[in-house]
Protein backbone atom coordinates (compact mmCIF):
# COMPACT_ATOMS: atom_id res chain seq x y z
CA MET A 1 -34.98 11.52 7.98
CA PRO A 2 -38.14 12.86 9.67
CA ALA A 3 -41.40 11.57 8.25
CA SER A 4 -42.50 15.15 7.46
CA SER A 5 -39.60 15.70 5.10
CA SER A 6 -40.45 15.94 1.43
CA SER A 7 -39.81 13.07 -0.92
CA SER A 8 -37.78 15.58 -2.91
CA ALA A 9 -35.40 15.89 0.03
CA GLN A 10 -35.12 12.11 0.14
CA GLU A 11 -34.28 12.12 -3.54
CA ALA A 12 -31.64 14.77 -2.87
CA ARG A 13 -30.11 12.57 -0.16
CA ARG A 14 -29.93 9.65 -2.55
CA ALA A 15 -28.50 11.90 -5.25
CA LEU A 16 -25.74 13.06 -2.90
CA ALA A 17 -24.91 9.45 -2.07
CA ALA A 18 -24.74 8.65 -5.78
CA ARG A 19 -22.39 11.58 -6.37
CA LEU A 20 -20.04 10.30 -3.66
CA ARG A 21 -20.04 6.86 -5.27
CA GLU A 22 -19.36 8.32 -8.72
CA ILE A 23 -16.41 10.30 -7.37
CA ARG A 24 -14.95 7.11 -5.89
CA LEU A 25 -15.45 5.15 -9.11
CA ASP A 26 -13.96 7.94 -11.22
CA ALA A 27 -10.90 7.83 -8.97
CA GLY A 28 -10.57 4.08 -9.55
CA LEU A 29 -10.77 3.30 -5.85
CA THR A 30 -12.61 0.52 -4.03
CA GLY A 31 -14.78 1.18 -1.03
CA ARG A 32 -12.15 -0.37 1.24
CA GLU A 33 -9.43 1.87 -0.21
CA VAL A 34 -11.48 5.01 0.39
CA SER A 35 -12.30 3.82 3.90
CA ALA A 36 -8.62 3.24 4.66
CA GLN A 37 -7.59 6.67 3.41
CA CYS A 38 -10.40 8.37 5.31
CA GLY A 39 -9.65 6.43 8.48
CA TRP A 40 -13.02 4.83 9.10
CA HIS A 41 -14.62 1.38 8.88
CA ALA A 42 -15.67 0.07 5.45
CA SER A 43 -19.28 -0.21 6.63
CA LYS A 44 -19.44 3.59 6.91
CA THR A 45 -18.49 3.94 3.26
CA THR A 46 -21.28 1.53 2.36
CA ARG A 47 -23.84 3.49 4.38
CA LEU A 48 -22.74 6.78 2.83
CA GLU A 49 -22.98 5.42 -0.70
CA LYS A 50 -26.44 3.98 -0.09
CA GLY A 51 -27.75 7.18 1.49
CA GLN A 52 -28.29 5.38 4.80
CA ALA A 53 -26.14 7.88 6.70
CA ALA A 54 -25.77 11.62 6.33
CA PRO A 55 -22.15 12.66 5.77
CA SER A 56 -20.65 15.39 7.91
CA ASP A 57 -18.70 18.27 6.36
CA ALA A 58 -15.49 16.54 7.47
CA ASP A 59 -16.62 13.26 5.88
CA ILE A 60 -17.15 14.96 2.53
CA ARG A 61 -13.79 16.75 2.66
CA ALA A 62 -12.02 13.51 3.54
CA TRP A 63 -13.83 11.63 0.76
CA CYS A 64 -13.01 14.20 -1.93
CA THR A 65 -9.38 14.44 -0.80
CA ALA A 66 -9.01 10.66 -0.83
CA CYS A 67 -10.40 10.61 -4.39
CA GLY A 68 -8.12 13.40 -5.56
CA VAL A 69 -10.86 16.02 -6.11
CA PRO A 70 -10.80 18.29 -3.02
CA GLY A 71 -12.23 21.12 -5.12
CA ARG A 72 -15.58 19.34 -5.35
CA ALA A 73 -16.09 19.37 -1.59
CA PRO A 74 -17.65 22.89 -1.22
CA ASP A 75 -20.59 22.15 -3.55
CA LEU A 76 -21.23 18.78 -1.93
CA ILE A 77 -21.07 20.24 1.57
CA ALA A 78 -23.54 23.00 0.68
CA ALA A 79 -25.89 20.45 -0.87
CA SER A 80 -25.65 18.19 2.18
CA ARG A 81 -26.34 20.98 4.65
CA ASP A 82 -29.50 22.07 2.90
CA ILE A 83 -31.10 18.76 1.98
CA ASP A 84 -33.59 18.83 4.84
CA SER A 85 -34.50 22.49 4.28
CA MET A 86 -34.11 22.76 0.52
CA TYR A 87 -37.70 21.79 -0.20
CA ILE A 88 -40.21 23.00 2.36
CA GLU A 89 -43.92 22.76 1.71
CA TRP A 90 -45.77 26.06 2.00
CA LYS A 91 -48.15 24.43 4.47
CA ARG A 92 -45.20 23.90 6.81
CA LEU A 93 -43.77 27.38 6.22
CA GLN A 94 -47.16 28.99 6.80
CA ARG A 95 -48.28 26.76 9.65
CA GLY A 96 -47.92 29.62 12.13
CA GLY A 97 -49.72 32.08 9.87
CA LEU A 98 -48.70 34.33 7.02
CA ARG A 99 -47.41 37.11 9.28
CA ARG A 100 -44.87 34.88 11.01
CA LEU A 101 -43.44 33.83 7.65
CA GLN A 102 -43.03 37.46 6.59
CA GLU A 103 -41.32 38.38 9.86
CA SER A 104 -39.05 35.33 9.87
CA ARG A 105 -37.24 36.57 6.77
CA VAL A 106 -36.41 40.04 8.04
CA PRO A 107 -32.84 39.14 9.17
CA LEU A 108 -32.06 37.63 5.74
CA TYR A 109 -33.40 40.71 3.96
CA GLU A 110 -31.52 43.09 6.25
CA SER A 111 -28.20 41.28 5.77
CA THR A 112 -28.42 41.12 1.97
CA ARG A 113 -26.64 43.79 -0.07
CA LEU A 114 -27.62 42.69 -3.60
CA PHE A 115 -31.12 41.43 -4.36
CA ARG A 116 -31.80 39.97 -7.78
CA THR A 117 -35.37 38.92 -8.44
CA TYR A 118 -37.32 37.48 -11.33
CA SER A 119 -41.12 37.36 -11.26
CA SER A 120 -43.07 35.55 -13.93
CA HIS A 121 -46.59 35.55 -12.43
CA VAL A 122 -47.11 38.15 -9.66
CA MET A 123 -45.48 41.39 -8.54
CA PRO A 124 -42.27 41.06 -6.52
CA GLY A 125 -43.11 41.18 -2.83
CA LEU A 126 -40.80 44.13 -2.22
CA LEU A 127 -42.73 46.24 -4.76
CA GLN A 128 -46.30 45.33 -3.76
CA THR A 129 -48.80 47.87 -2.49
CA PRO A 130 -50.79 47.02 0.66
CA GLU A 131 -53.96 46.55 -1.40
CA TYR A 132 -52.31 44.25 -3.94
CA ALA A 133 -50.56 42.27 -1.18
CA SER A 134 -53.87 41.92 0.68
CA ALA A 135 -55.65 40.56 -2.41
CA LEU A 136 -52.80 38.16 -3.19
CA LEU A 137 -52.30 36.89 0.37
CA SER A 138 -56.06 36.44 0.81
CA ALA A 139 -56.09 34.20 -2.26
CA ILE A 140 -53.08 32.28 -0.96
CA ALA A 141 -54.62 31.78 2.49
CA GLU A 142 -57.86 30.53 0.95
CA PHE A 143 -56.14 28.20 -1.51
CA ARG A 144 -53.77 26.67 1.05
CA GLY A 145 -56.23 26.62 3.93
CA THR A 146 -53.89 28.51 6.27
CA ARG A 147 -54.89 30.73 9.18
CA ASN A 148 -56.25 34.02 7.85
CA ASP A 149 -54.04 36.69 9.38
CA VAL A 150 -53.78 38.62 6.12
CA ALA A 151 -53.99 42.11 7.66
CA GLU A 152 -51.06 41.39 9.99
CA ALA A 153 -49.12 39.68 7.18
CA VAL A 154 -49.57 42.68 4.88
CA GLU A 155 -48.32 44.99 7.63
CA ALA A 156 -45.24 42.80 8.08
CA ARG A 157 -44.63 42.65 4.32
CA MET A 158 -44.80 46.43 4.02
CA ALA A 159 -42.36 46.82 6.91
CA ARG A 160 -39.98 44.39 5.22
CA SER A 161 -40.28 46.30 1.94
CA GLY A 162 -38.69 49.27 3.68
CA VAL A 163 -35.28 47.83 2.77
CA THR A 164 -35.73 49.29 -0.74
CA ARG A 165 -35.62 52.81 0.68
CA GLN A 166 -32.86 52.45 3.26
CA GLY A 167 -29.94 52.79 0.86
CA ARG A 168 -28.02 49.80 2.20
CA ALA A 169 -28.70 47.42 -0.69
CA ARG A 170 -29.25 47.31 -4.45
CA PHE A 171 -32.27 45.72 -6.11
CA VAL A 172 -32.14 44.39 -9.66
CA MET A 173 -35.69 43.32 -10.41
CA LEU A 174 -37.17 41.68 -13.49
CA ILE A 175 -40.78 40.96 -14.31
CA GLU A 176 -42.48 39.45 -17.32
CA GLU A 177 -45.00 41.72 -19.08
CA ALA A 178 -47.63 39.13 -18.17
CA VAL A 179 -47.32 40.28 -14.53
CA LEU A 180 -48.60 43.72 -15.59
CA ARG A 181 -51.64 42.16 -17.24
CA SER A 182 -52.57 39.52 -14.66
CA GLN A 183 -55.17 41.26 -12.51
CA ILE A 184 -54.90 40.64 -8.79
CA GLY A 185 -57.78 42.22 -6.90
CA GLU A 186 -60.22 44.77 -8.30
CA PRO A 187 -59.24 47.05 -11.21
CA ALA A 188 -58.60 49.93 -8.79
CA VAL A 189 -56.19 47.74 -6.81
CA MET A 190 -54.33 46.76 -9.95
CA ALA A 191 -54.20 50.35 -11.20
CA GLY A 192 -52.73 51.44 -7.88
CA GLN A 193 -50.15 48.68 -8.04
CA LEU A 194 -49.09 49.62 -11.56
CA GLY A 195 -48.86 53.26 -10.55
CA HIS A 196 -46.67 52.23 -7.64
CA LEU A 197 -44.32 50.48 -10.07
CA LEU A 198 -43.83 53.78 -11.88
CA SER A 199 -42.87 55.41 -8.59
CA ALA A 200 -40.58 52.55 -7.57
CA MET A 201 -38.60 52.96 -10.79
CA ALA A 202 -37.43 56.32 -9.47
CA LEU A 203 -35.89 54.84 -6.32
CA PRO A 204 -32.07 55.16 -6.51
CA ALA A 205 -31.46 51.60 -5.31
CA VAL A 206 -33.99 49.94 -7.64
CA SER A 207 -33.44 48.80 -11.22
CA LEU A 208 -36.68 47.50 -12.73
CA GLY A 209 -36.72 45.71 -16.08
CA ILE A 210 -39.73 44.33 -17.93
CA ILE A 211 -39.50 41.50 -20.46
CA PRO A 212 -42.03 42.27 -23.20
CA PHE A 213 -44.41 39.76 -24.74
CA ALA A 214 -42.89 40.67 -28.11
CA THR A 215 -39.34 39.67 -27.21
CA ARG A 216 -38.00 37.58 -30.08
CA ALA A 217 -35.58 34.66 -30.06
CA ARG A 218 -35.35 34.58 -26.28
CA ARG A 219 -32.06 33.26 -24.96
CA MET A 220 -33.76 32.50 -21.66
CA TRP A 221 -37.28 31.14 -21.43
CA THR A 222 -39.92 31.96 -18.83
CA VAL A 223 -39.02 30.12 -15.63
CA GLU A 224 -40.24 29.90 -12.05
CA ALA A 225 -40.02 33.00 -9.85
CA PHE A 226 -36.84 33.32 -7.79
CA THR A 227 -35.01 35.71 -5.49
CA MET A 228 -31.24 35.76 -5.06
CA PHE A 229 -29.64 37.00 -1.84
CA ASP A 230 -26.16 38.16 -2.82
CA ASP A 231 -24.33 35.17 -4.34
CA ARG A 232 -25.06 32.85 -1.45
CA ARG A 233 -28.72 31.86 -1.49
CA VAL A 234 -31.66 31.53 -3.87
CA HIS A 235 -35.33 31.09 -3.00
CA VAL A 236 -37.35 29.44 -5.77
CA GLU A 237 -41.13 29.60 -5.52
CA LEU A 238 -43.16 26.58 -6.64
CA LEU A 239 -46.89 26.09 -6.20
CA ALA A 240 -46.44 23.48 -3.47
CA ALA A 241 -43.19 24.54 -1.85
CA GLN A 242 -40.23 26.85 -1.56
CA VAL A 243 -36.91 25.49 -2.72
CA THR A 244 -33.76 26.93 -1.14
CA VAL A 245 -30.58 26.71 -3.20
CA THR A 246 -27.17 27.34 -1.63
CA ALA A 247 -24.77 25.00 -3.46
CA PRO A 248 -22.34 27.38 -5.25
CA GLY A 249 -22.63 25.59 -8.56
CA GLU A 250 -26.44 25.72 -8.50
CA VAL A 251 -26.52 29.35 -7.35
CA ALA A 252 -24.30 30.13 -10.35
CA LEU A 253 -27.00 28.75 -12.66
CA TYR A 254 -29.48 31.29 -11.32
CA VAL A 255 -26.90 34.07 -11.61
CA GLU A 256 -26.47 33.14 -15.28
CA ALA A 257 -30.23 32.86 -15.87
CA HIS A 258 -30.82 36.29 -14.31
CA ALA A 259 -28.06 37.81 -16.44
CA ARG A 260 -29.64 36.41 -19.61
CA LEU A 261 -33.08 37.61 -18.59
CA LEU A 262 -31.64 41.07 -17.95
CA GLN A 263 -30.55 41.25 -21.57
CA GLN A 264 -34.12 40.61 -22.74
CA ALA A 265 -35.73 43.32 -20.59
CA VAL A 266 -36.54 46.94 -21.40
CA TYR A 267 -35.96 49.81 -19.01
CA GLY A 268 -36.70 53.50 -18.52
CA ASP A 269 -39.18 55.01 -20.99
CA ARG A 270 -39.84 51.69 -22.75
CA ALA A 271 -40.68 50.02 -19.44
CA ARG A 272 -42.88 52.92 -18.40
CA HIS A 273 -44.74 52.66 -21.70
CA LEU A 274 -45.58 49.00 -20.98
CA ILE A 275 -46.83 49.91 -17.50
CA THR A 276 -48.99 52.83 -18.67
CA ALA A 277 -50.44 50.66 -21.44
CA ALA A 278 -51.43 48.08 -18.84
CA ILE A 279 -53.09 50.79 -16.75
CA GLU A 280 -55.05 52.05 -19.77
CA ALA A 281 -56.17 48.48 -20.55
CA LEU A 282 -57.93 48.33 -17.17
CA GLY A 283 -60.48 50.77 -18.58
């Protein structure tokens, strides 16, 4: 594995190797028996189980079939494919500047038909105003020490946000009430952003829900921000890195979390009341 890869990716590689070993043990097979059924040398089985070799898609299918659990292969294959890209430090993603990162995601955004987002700290990127995005990206560039191309990055982000008005996709967006109250930029910037939220709620393709502070007996707690692209990919935003999830079983966890968060949100007039109250609190 390249030296620049995250230790989290290394842990994921070891975890995959452990899962292969557990499948073999659960099947009651020895390493030699699995090797014989898969048609390769016993040393390969040893390397796979110790995480010293990366299994191919065919290796995983053969392993699961030999152990009598072919249905487990898709999740393992997805996990294996994404180990090296599942945890990418923001410094690596933003090495070429903030604008390049914004532009690199355009094909993914254009091919997605159902966006589901959850934001616990800042406004969803697709709903940000230029002024809010500029204040946020300036803070990010300063904190992470990346090249300051904020103006170009904001322009690229606004162009990408055009997908909300093209009518080709649906957007089911959730934010915590705390996002309305966490001031990014000057009061005028925040007021403009909150006003923009009111306008965005009227877009036919956008469903915006807000989870109030006063929500009682929450079935789903506040978690890290994430964006789901159809049912195939999830981007999870951590302070140090972006985590990409594509294993079907793990994507399903985010689908379930989003569904539970949806049930805790308010919409329509109740959501607008929370937004207008936040605007009034700016003074």
